[in-house]
């Protein structure tokens, strides 16, 4: 049954890509199709989570409920680690994009600003490293 849910989830992700491709080829905006894809992914993900959690709790055994709670804790820990890594990576990328381009502009005007510019770029990259450290800390608890 879980394989069927995974197959449905995969289809929900991949099917909206065809209209996105068609709009891209014709030169139209792809924002609507992309937002529809994202919304359907999250709605189906929540529905599958509720369905699978309801099925696990319907077993009725105390051990099954305890095992499901432990699995849910481990699963939420994995999601938290993934979010810490992913969001810090995105934030670090945005920060590096802004600071590195400004640093290159400053260096091209005055070569003496290289050291100061390098520090700002390194600080921006540190955001992603902090996210990785937090995710390792979270994963160490499981």
N, C-alpha and C. Protein backbone atom coordinates (compact mmCIF):
# COMPACT_ATOMS: atom_id res chain seq x y z
N UNK A 1 0.81 -1.19 0.00
CA UNK A 1 0.00 0.00 0.00
C UNK A 1 0.86 1.26 0.00
N UNK A 2 2.01 1.20 0.75
CA UNK A 2 2.87 2.38 0.78
C UNK A 2 3.47 2.66 -0.60
N UNK A 3 3.71 1.58 -1.37
CA UNK A 3 4.27 1.77 -2.71
C UNK A 3 3.27 2.47 -3.61
N UNK A 4 2.00 2.18 -3.42
CA UNK A 4 0.97 2.86 -4.20
C UNK A 4 0.95 4.35 -3.87
N UNK A 5 1.05 4.67 -2.57
CA UNK A 5 1.09 6.08 -2.18
C UNK A 5 2.33 6.77 -2.75
N UNK A 6 3.46 6.09 -2.73
CA UNK A 6 4.69 6.67 -3.29
C UNK A 6 4.54 6.89 -4.79
N UNK A 7 3.91 5.95 -5.47
CA UNK A 7 3.69 6.09 -6.91
C UNK A 7 2.77 7.26 -7.21
N UNK A 8 1.70 7.39 -6.42
CA UNK A 8 0.78 8.50 -6.62
C UNK A 8 1.48 9.83 -6.36
N UNK A 9 2.29 9.88 -5.31
CA UNK A 9 3.03 11.11 -4.99
C UNK A 9 4.00 11.47 -6.10
N UNK A 10 4.67 10.47 -6.66
CA UNK A 10 5.58 10.72 -7.77
C UNK A 10 4.84 11.25 -9.00
N UNK A 11 3.68 10.67 -9.28
CA UNK A 11 2.90 11.15 -10.42
C UNK A 11 2.40 12.58 -10.20
N UNK A 12 2.02 12.90 -8.96
CA UNK A 12 1.55 14.26 -8.68
C UNK A 12 2.69 15.26 -8.88
N UNK A 13 3.91 14.83 -8.60
CA UNK A 13 5.05 15.72 -8.80
C UNK A 13 5.37 15.87 -10.28
N UNK A 14 5.35 14.76 -11.02
CA UNK A 14 5.82 14.78 -12.40
C UNK A 14 4.78 15.23 -13.42
N UNK A 15 3.50 14.94 -13.19
CA UNK A 15 2.48 15.29 -14.18
C UNK A 15 2.38 16.80 -14.45
N UNK A 16 2.44 17.65 -13.43
CA UNK A 16 2.37 19.09 -13.74
C UNK A 16 3.60 19.63 -14.46
N UNK A 17 4.65 18.85 -14.56
CA UNK A 17 5.82 19.34 -15.28
C UNK A 17 5.57 19.45 -16.79
N UNK A 18 4.65 18.64 -17.31
CA UNK A 18 4.34 18.73 -18.74
C UNK A 18 3.74 20.09 -19.11
N UNK A 19 2.70 20.58 -18.38
CA UNK A 19 2.21 21.93 -18.71
C UNK A 19 3.27 23.02 -18.52
N UNK A 20 4.14 22.82 -17.53
CA UNK A 20 5.22 23.79 -17.34
C UNK A 20 6.12 23.80 -18.56
N UNK A 21 6.45 22.62 -19.07
CA UNK A 21 7.28 22.52 -20.27
C UNK A 21 6.58 23.16 -21.46
N UNK A 22 5.28 22.87 -21.63
CA UNK A 22 4.54 23.43 -22.77
C UNK A 22 4.48 24.96 -22.69
N UNK A 23 4.26 25.49 -21.50
CA UNK A 23 4.21 26.95 -21.36
C UNK A 23 5.58 27.56 -21.60
N UNK A 24 6.60 26.88 -21.17
CA UNK A 24 7.97 27.39 -21.36
C UNK A 24 8.31 27.44 -22.84
N UNK A 25 7.92 26.41 -23.57
CA UNK A 25 8.22 26.36 -25.01
C UNK A 25 7.45 27.44 -25.75
N UNK A 26 6.18 27.66 -25.35
CA UNK A 26 5.37 28.65 -26.06
C UNK A 26 5.68 30.08 -25.62
N UNK A 27 6.49 30.25 -24.56
CA UNK A 27 6.89 31.58 -24.12
C UNK A 27 5.96 32.20 -23.10
N UNK A 28 5.00 31.41 -22.58
CA UNK A 28 4.08 31.92 -21.57
C UNK A 28 4.71 31.79 -20.18
N UNK A 29 4.08 32.43 -19.21
CA UNK A 29 4.56 32.38 -17.83
C UNK A 29 4.25 31.01 -17.23
N UNK A 30 5.20 30.49 -16.46
CA UNK A 30 5.03 29.17 -15.86
C UNK A 30 4.70 29.27 -14.37
N UNK A 31 4.46 30.47 -13.86
CA UNK A 31 4.22 30.65 -12.43
C UNK A 31 2.98 29.89 -11.96
N UNK A 32 1.89 29.97 -12.71
CA UNK A 32 0.65 29.32 -12.29
C UNK A 32 0.80 27.81 -12.21
N UNK A 33 1.41 27.23 -13.21
CA UNK A 33 1.59 25.78 -13.21
C UNK A 33 2.56 25.35 -12.11
N UNK A 34 3.57 26.13 -11.88
CA UNK A 34 4.53 25.81 -10.83
C UNK A 34 3.89 25.91 -9.45
N UNK A 35 3.10 26.95 -9.20
CA UNK A 35 2.41 27.08 -7.93
C UNK A 35 1.39 25.96 -7.73
N UNK A 36 0.73 25.57 -8.81
CA UNK A 36 -0.20 24.43 -8.72
C UNK A 36 0.53 23.14 -8.38
N UNK A 37 1.70 22.95 -8.94
CA UNK A 37 2.50 21.77 -8.64
C UNK A 37 2.90 21.74 -7.18
N UNK A 38 3.37 22.87 -6.67
CA UNK A 38 3.79 22.94 -5.28
C UNK A 38 2.61 22.72 -4.34
N UNK A 39 1.48 23.35 -4.64
CA UNK A 39 0.30 23.20 -3.78
C UNK A 39 -0.20 21.77 -3.77
N UNK A 40 -0.27 21.14 -4.93
CA UNK A 40 -0.74 19.75 -4.98
C UNK A 40 0.22 18.81 -4.27
N UNK A 41 1.51 19.09 -4.33
CA UNK A 41 2.49 18.26 -3.63
C UNK A 41 2.26 18.32 -2.12
N UNK A 42 2.08 19.52 -1.58
CA UNK A 42 1.90 19.64 -0.14
C UNK A 42 0.55 19.10 0.32
N UNK A 43 -0.50 19.32 -0.46
CA UNK A 43 -1.82 18.80 -0.08
C UNK A 43 -1.80 17.28 -0.08
N UNK A 44 -1.24 16.67 -1.10
CA UNK A 44 -1.18 15.22 -1.15
C UNK A 44 -0.24 14.68 -0.07
N UNK A 45 0.84 15.38 0.20
CA UNK A 45 1.75 14.94 1.27
C UNK A 45 1.07 14.93 2.62
N UNK A 46 0.27 15.96 2.91
CA UNK A 46 -0.46 16.01 4.18
C UNK A 46 -1.51 14.91 4.21
N UNK A 47 -2.21 14.69 3.11
CA UNK A 47 -3.23 13.64 3.07
C UNK A 47 -2.61 12.27 3.28
N UNK A 48 -1.46 12.02 2.66
CA UNK A 48 -0.80 10.73 2.85
C UNK A 48 -0.30 10.56 4.27
N UNK A 49 0.19 11.62 4.87
CA UNK A 49 0.66 11.55 6.25
C UNK A 49 -0.49 11.22 7.18
N UNK A 50 -1.63 11.87 7.00
CA UNK A 50 -2.80 11.59 7.83
C UNK A 50 -3.28 10.16 7.61
N UNK A 51 -3.30 9.71 6.36
CA UNK A 51 -3.76 8.36 6.06
C UNK A 51 -2.85 7.31 6.67
N UNK A 52 -1.55 7.49 6.56
CA UNK A 52 -0.61 6.51 7.11
C UNK A 52 -0.60 6.55 8.63
N UNK A 53 -0.72 7.72 9.24
CA UNK A 53 -0.76 7.81 10.69
C UNK A 53 -2.04 7.19 11.23
N UNK A 54 -3.14 7.42 10.55
CA UNK A 54 -4.41 6.81 10.96
C UNK A 54 -4.37 5.30 10.86
N UNK A 55 -3.72 4.80 9.84
CA UNK A 55 -3.61 3.35 9.69
C UNK A 55 -2.73 2.74 10.77
N UNK A 56 -1.66 3.43 11.14
CA UNK A 56 -0.77 2.92 12.18
C UNK A 56 -1.46 2.93 13.54
N UNK A 57 -2.26 3.93 13.82
CA UNK A 57 -2.96 4.01 15.10
C UNK A 57 -4.17 3.09 15.14
N UNK A 58 -4.70 2.71 13.99
CA UNK A 58 -5.85 1.82 13.95
C UNK A 58 -5.47 0.39 14.28
N UNK A 59 -4.21 0.06 14.37
CA UNK A 59 -3.79 -1.30 14.71
C UNK A 59 -4.29 -1.68 16.09
N UNK A 60 -4.38 -0.72 17.00
CA UNK A 60 -5.00 -0.96 18.28
C UNK A 60 -4.09 -1.54 19.34
N UNK A 61 -2.91 -1.97 18.98
CA UNK A 61 -2.01 -2.55 19.96
C UNK A 61 -1.16 -1.45 20.58
N UNK A 62 -0.83 -1.64 21.85
CA UNK A 62 -0.03 -0.65 22.55
C UNK A 62 1.38 -0.60 21.98
N UNK A 63 1.91 -1.75 21.59
CA UNK A 63 3.25 -1.78 21.01
C UNK A 63 3.28 -1.09 19.66
N UNK A 64 2.25 -1.31 18.89
CA UNK A 64 2.19 -0.67 17.57
C UNK A 64 2.13 0.85 17.72
N UNK A 65 1.35 1.32 18.70
CA UNK A 65 1.25 2.77 18.92
C UNK A 65 2.59 3.33 19.41
N UNK A 66 3.27 2.58 20.31
CA UNK A 66 4.57 3.04 20.80
C UNK A 66 5.60 3.05 19.67
N UNK A 67 5.58 2.01 18.82
CA UNK A 67 6.51 1.96 17.70
C UNK A 67 6.22 3.07 16.70
N UNK A 68 4.94 3.36 16.49
CA UNK A 68 4.58 4.44 15.58
C UNK A 68 5.03 5.79 16.13
N UNK A 69 4.89 5.97 17.46
CA UNK A 69 5.33 7.23 18.07
C UNK A 69 6.85 7.38 17.94
N UNK A 70 7.57 6.27 18.13
CA UNK A 70 9.02 6.33 17.98
C UNK A 70 9.41 6.61 16.53
N UNK A 71 8.70 5.97 15.60
CA UNK A 71 8.96 6.23 14.19
C UNK A 71 8.63 7.67 13.82
N UNK A 72 7.55 8.20 14.40
CA UNK A 72 7.18 9.59 14.12
C UNK A 72 8.24 10.54 14.67
N UNK A 73 8.76 10.24 15.86
CA UNK A 73 9.81 11.10 16.42
C UNK A 73 11.05 11.07 15.54
N UNK A 74 11.45 9.87 15.12
CA UNK A 74 12.62 9.77 14.25
C UNK A 74 12.37 10.46 12.91
N UNK A 75 11.17 10.30 12.38
CA UNK A 75 10.84 10.93 11.11
C UNK A 75 10.84 12.44 11.21
N UNK A 76 10.27 12.96 12.29
CA UNK A 76 10.27 14.41 12.48
C UNK A 76 11.69 14.93 12.70
N UNK A 77 12.53 14.13 13.35
CA UNK A 77 13.93 14.52 13.51
C UNK A 77 14.63 14.62 12.17
N UNK A 78 14.34 13.66 11.28
CA UNK A 78 14.94 13.70 9.95
C UNK A 78 14.44 14.91 9.15
N UNK A 79 13.16 15.21 9.29
CA UNK A 79 12.60 16.38 8.60
C UNK A 79 13.24 17.66 9.14
N UNK A 80 13.42 17.73 10.47
CA UNK A 80 14.05 18.91 11.06
C UNK A 80 15.48 19.07 10.58
N UNK A 81 16.22 17.96 10.50
CA UNK A 81 17.60 18.03 10.01
C UNK A 81 17.64 18.46 8.55
N UNK A 82 16.71 17.93 7.76
CA UNK A 82 16.67 18.31 6.34
C UNK A 82 16.33 19.78 6.18
N UNK A 83 15.38 20.27 6.97
CA UNK A 83 15.02 21.69 6.88
C UNK A 83 16.18 22.58 7.33
N UNK A 84 16.88 22.17 8.39
CA UNK A 84 18.01 22.97 8.85
C UNK A 84 19.08 23.06 7.77
N UNK A 85 19.38 21.95 7.14
CA UNK A 85 20.40 21.94 6.09
C UNK A 85 19.93 22.69 4.85
N UNK A 86 18.72 22.38 4.41
CA UNK A 86 18.22 22.98 3.17
C UNK A 86 18.02 24.48 3.26
N UNK A 87 17.37 24.92 4.32
CA UNK A 87 17.10 26.36 4.43
C UNK A 87 18.36 27.16 4.68
N UNK A 88 19.29 26.59 5.46
CA UNK A 88 20.55 27.32 5.66
C UNK A 88 21.36 27.35 4.38
N UNK A 89 21.27 26.30 3.58
CA UNK A 89 21.96 26.29 2.29
C UNK A 89 21.38 27.34 1.34
N UNK A 90 20.06 27.45 1.33
CA UNK A 90 19.42 28.46 0.49
C UNK A 90 19.78 29.86 0.97
N UNK A 91 19.71 30.07 2.29
CA UNK A 91 20.06 31.38 2.84
C UNK A 91 21.52 31.73 2.59
N UNK A 92 22.40 30.73 2.74
CA UNK A 92 23.82 30.96 2.47
C UNK A 92 24.07 31.28 1.01
N UNK A 93 23.35 30.60 0.13
CA UNK A 93 23.51 30.87 -1.30
C UNK A 93 23.07 32.27 -1.67
N UNK A 94 21.96 32.70 -1.09
CA UNK A 94 21.49 34.07 -1.36
C UNK A 94 22.49 35.09 -0.82
N UNK A 95 22.99 34.82 0.39
CA UNK A 95 23.95 35.76 0.99
C UNK A 95 25.25 35.81 0.21
N UNK A 96 25.74 34.65 -0.24
CA UNK A 96 26.99 34.63 -1.02
C UNK A 96 26.78 35.32 -2.36
N UNK A 97 25.62 35.12 -2.97
CA UNK A 97 25.35 35.76 -4.27
C UNK A 97 25.42 37.27 -4.14
N UNK A 98 24.84 37.80 -3.08
CA UNK A 98 24.84 39.25 -2.91
C UNK A 98 26.22 39.77 -2.51
N UNK A 99 26.85 39.10 -1.54
CA UNK A 99 28.12 39.63 -1.04
C UNK A 99 29.27 39.40 -2.03
N UNK A 100 29.27 38.28 -2.74
CA UNK A 100 30.37 38.02 -3.67
C UNK A 100 30.33 38.97 -4.86
N UNK A 101 29.13 39.26 -5.36
CA UNK A 101 29.07 40.19 -6.49
C UNK A 101 29.48 41.59 -6.07
N UNK A 102 29.07 41.99 -4.87
CA UNK A 102 29.50 43.30 -4.38
C UNK A 102 31.00 43.32 -4.10
N UNK A 103 31.52 42.21 -3.60
CA UNK A 103 32.96 42.13 -3.33
C UNK A 103 33.77 42.22 -4.62
N UNK A 104 33.31 41.55 -5.66
CA UNK A 104 34.02 41.63 -6.94
C UNK A 104 34.01 43.04 -7.50
N UNK A 105 32.88 43.72 -7.34
CA UNK A 105 32.81 45.11 -7.79
C UNK A 105 33.76 46.01 -7.02
N UNK A 106 33.83 45.78 -5.70
CA UNK A 106 34.73 46.60 -4.87
C UNK A 106 36.19 46.30 -5.19
N UNK A 107 36.50 45.04 -5.42
CA UNK A 107 37.89 44.66 -5.72
C UNK A 107 38.31 45.22 -7.08
N UNK A 108 37.37 45.26 -8.02
CA UNK A 108 37.74 45.79 -9.34
C UNK A 108 38.04 47.30 -9.28
N UNK A 109 37.44 48.00 -8.33
CA UNK A 109 37.72 49.42 -8.19
C UNK A 109 38.96 49.70 -7.35
N UNK A 110 39.15 48.89 -6.29
CA UNK A 110 40.28 49.11 -5.39
C UNK A 110 40.76 47.74 -4.91
N UNK A 111 41.96 47.36 -5.30
CA UNK A 111 42.47 46.03 -4.97
C UNK A 111 42.78 45.86 -3.49
N UNK A 112 42.88 46.94 -2.75
CA UNK A 112 43.19 46.85 -1.32
C UNK A 112 42.01 46.34 -0.50
N UNK A 113 40.83 46.31 -1.06
CA UNK A 113 39.64 45.85 -0.33
C UNK A 113 39.45 44.34 -0.40
N UNK A 114 40.42 43.60 -0.96
CA UNK A 114 40.28 42.16 -1.12
C UNK A 114 40.06 41.44 0.21
N UNK A 115 40.85 41.78 1.22
CA UNK A 115 40.76 41.11 2.52
C UNK A 115 39.41 41.33 3.18
N UNK A 116 38.94 42.57 3.17
CA UNK A 116 37.64 42.88 3.77
C UNK A 116 36.51 42.18 3.01
N UNK A 117 36.60 42.17 1.71
CA UNK A 117 35.56 41.53 0.90
C UNK A 117 35.54 40.04 1.13
N UNK A 118 36.70 39.43 1.28
CA UNK A 118 36.78 37.99 1.52
C UNK A 118 36.15 37.62 2.86
N UNK A 119 36.30 38.47 3.84
CA UNK A 119 35.69 38.21 5.15
C UNK A 119 34.17 38.20 5.04
N UNK A 120 33.60 39.14 4.31
CA UNK A 120 32.14 39.18 4.17
C UNK A 120 31.61 37.97 3.42
N UNK A 121 32.32 37.51 2.41
CA UNK A 121 31.89 36.33 1.68
C UNK A 121 32.00 35.10 2.57
N UNK A 122 33.05 35.00 3.36
CA UNK A 122 33.22 33.86 4.27
C UNK A 122 32.14 33.85 5.34
N UNK A 123 31.76 35.02 5.84
CA UNK A 123 30.67 35.07 6.82
C UNK A 123 29.36 34.58 6.22
N UNK A 124 29.13 34.90 4.98
CA UNK A 124 27.91 34.45 4.32
C UNK A 124 27.93 32.93 4.13
N UNK A 125 29.09 32.37 3.83
CA UNK A 125 29.18 30.91 3.68
C UNK A 125 29.02 30.21 5.02
N UNK A 126 29.32 30.90 6.10
CA UNK A 126 29.19 30.31 7.43
C UNK A 126 27.75 29.96 7.79
N UNK A 127 26.80 30.64 7.18
CA UNK A 127 25.39 30.35 7.44
C UNK A 127 25.08 28.90 7.09
N UNK A 128 25.55 28.45 5.96
CA UNK A 128 25.31 27.07 5.54
C UNK A 128 26.02 26.09 6.46
N UNK A 129 27.20 26.43 6.92
CA UNK A 129 27.93 25.54 7.83
C UNK A 129 27.21 25.42 9.16
N UNK A 130 26.65 26.51 9.66
CA UNK A 130 25.91 26.44 10.92
C UNK A 130 24.69 25.53 10.77
N UNK A 131 24.02 25.59 9.64
CA UNK A 131 22.89 24.70 9.40
C UNK A 131 23.30 23.24 9.39
N UNK A 132 24.46 22.95 8.79
CA UNK A 132 24.96 21.57 8.79
C UNK A 132 25.29 21.11 10.21
N UNK A 133 25.87 21.97 11.02
CA UNK A 133 26.19 21.60 12.39
C UNK A 133 24.92 21.30 13.18
N UNK A 134 23.90 22.12 12.99
CA UNK A 134 22.62 21.89 13.68
C UNK A 134 22.00 20.58 13.22
N UNK A 135 22.06 20.29 11.93
CA UNK A 135 21.48 19.03 11.45
C UNK A 135 22.24 17.83 11.97
N UNK A 136 23.57 17.91 12.08
CA UNK A 136 24.34 16.81 12.67
C UNK A 136 23.96 16.63 14.14
N UNK A 137 23.72 17.72 14.84
CA UNK A 137 23.31 17.64 16.24
C UNK A 137 21.95 16.95 16.36
N UNK A 138 21.03 17.30 15.48
CA UNK A 138 19.71 16.68 15.50
C UNK A 138 19.81 15.20 15.17
N UNK A 139 20.59 14.86 14.15
CA UNK A 139 20.73 13.46 13.77
C UNK A 139 21.47 12.64 14.82
N UNK A 140 22.31 13.27 15.62
CA UNK A 140 23.01 12.56 16.67
C UNK A 140 22.11 12.08 17.79
N UNK A 141 20.91 12.64 17.89
CA UNK A 141 19.99 12.24 18.94
C UNK A 141 19.20 11.00 18.57
N UNK A 142 19.29 10.53 17.32
CA UNK A 142 18.51 9.36 16.90
C UNK A 142 19.40 8.20 16.58
